């Protein structure tokens, strides 16, 4: 599973930007400087739907980049 691509797809959908505009090492604030609580909640919901479980809040607090999100997906995905 390409978790980096899945992370980019989730972010693209939630931020309404093209997937190819998201770099592998992009920071979330670079993608959209106006990520508000609603957008962040949508990202959380999409991730939790994908991994089919609730993600611990401490993991969300460390989220800052596309690679961080890919790491959350990889760590929590039930294969």
Protein backbone atom coordinates (compact mmCIF):
# COMPACT_ATOMS: atom_id res chain seq x y z
CA UNK A 1 0.00 0.00 0.00
CA UNK A 2 1.31 3.43 -0.92
CA UNK A 3 0.46 5.36 2.25
CA UNK A 4 2.08 8.54 0.98
CA UNK A 5 -0.23 8.57 -2.03
CA UNK A 6 -3.25 7.79 0.17
CA UNK A 7 -2.30 10.66 2.49
CA UNK A 8 -2.07 12.99 -0.49
CA UNK A 9 -5.45 11.79 -1.79
CA UNK A 10 -7.10 12.42 1.58
CA UNK A 11 -5.58 15.88 1.87
CA UNK A 12 -6.47 16.75 -1.72
CA UNK A 13 -10.09 15.81 -1.12
CA UNK A 14 -10.37 17.68 2.16
CA UNK A 15 -8.55 20.79 0.94
CA UNK A 16 -10.06 20.82 -2.56
CA UNK A 17 -6.67 20.88 -4.29
CA UNK A 18 -5.26 18.59 -6.99
CA UNK A 19 -3.31 15.57 -5.70
CA UNK A 20 -0.34 16.44 -7.94
CA UNK A 21 -0.05 19.85 -6.27
CA UNK A 22 0.86 18.18 -2.96
CA UNK A 23 4.55 17.40 -2.57
CA UNK A 24 5.71 14.34 -0.64
CA UNK A 25 7.45 16.47 1.97
CA UNK A 26 4.84 19.25 2.06
CA UNK A 27 3.84 20.86 5.33
CA UNK A 28 0.12 21.22 6.02
CA UNK A 29 0.33 24.99 6.50
CA UNK A 30 1.93 25.25 3.03
CA UNK A 31 -0.95 23.33 1.47
CA UNK A 32 -3.62 25.52 2.97
CA UNK A 33 -2.76 28.28 5.43
CA UNK A 34 -6.38 28.40 6.52
CA UNK A 35 -6.91 24.87 7.82
CA UNK A 36 -9.65 25.39 10.36
CA UNK A 37 -11.25 23.00 12.80
CA UNK A 38 -13.86 21.87 10.26
CA UNK A 39 -11.23 20.97 7.64
CA UNK A 40 -9.09 19.25 10.26
CA UNK A 41 -12.11 17.28 11.47
CA UNK A 42 -12.75 16.18 7.88
CA UNK A 43 -9.14 15.00 7.57
CA UNK A 44 -9.50 13.08 10.83
CA UNK A 45 -12.76 11.51 9.71
CA UNK A 46 -11.34 10.42 6.35
CA UNK A 47 -8.28 8.87 7.99
CA UNK A 48 -10.31 7.08 10.64
CA UNK A 49 -12.72 5.76 8.01
CA UNK A 50 -9.76 4.43 6.03
CA UNK A 51 -8.03 2.72 8.97
CA UNK A 52 -11.38 1.70 10.48
CA UNK A 53 -10.51 2.81 13.99
CA UNK A 54 -10.15 5.91 16.12
CA UNK A 55 -6.69 7.50 16.09
CA UNK A 56 -5.17 8.48 19.43
CA UNK A 57 -5.22 12.24 20.00
CA UNK A 58 -1.46 12.35 20.59
CA UNK A 59 -0.88 11.27 16.99
CA UNK A 60 -3.03 14.13 15.71
CA UNK A 61 -1.10 16.62 17.81
CA UNK A 62 2.11 15.64 16.02
CA UNK A 63 0.61 15.99 12.53
CA UNK A 64 2.41 18.64 10.53
CA UNK A 65 3.28 17.18 7.14
CA UNK A 66 2.14 14.85 4.40
CA UNK A 67 4.72 12.30 5.59
CA UNK A 68 3.35 12.53 9.13
CA UNK A 69 -0.11 11.70 7.82
CA UNK A 70 1.27 8.79 5.78
CA UNK A 71 2.91 7.52 8.97
CA UNK A 72 -0.41 7.66 10.83
CA UNK A 73 -2.07 5.72 8.01
CA UNK A 74 0.66 3.07 7.91
CA UNK A 75 0.78 2.64 11.69
CA UNK A 76 -2.98 2.26 12.08
CA UNK A 77 -4.11 0.50 8.89
CA UNK A 78 -5.45 -3.01 9.37
CA UNK A 79 -4.25 -5.13 6.51
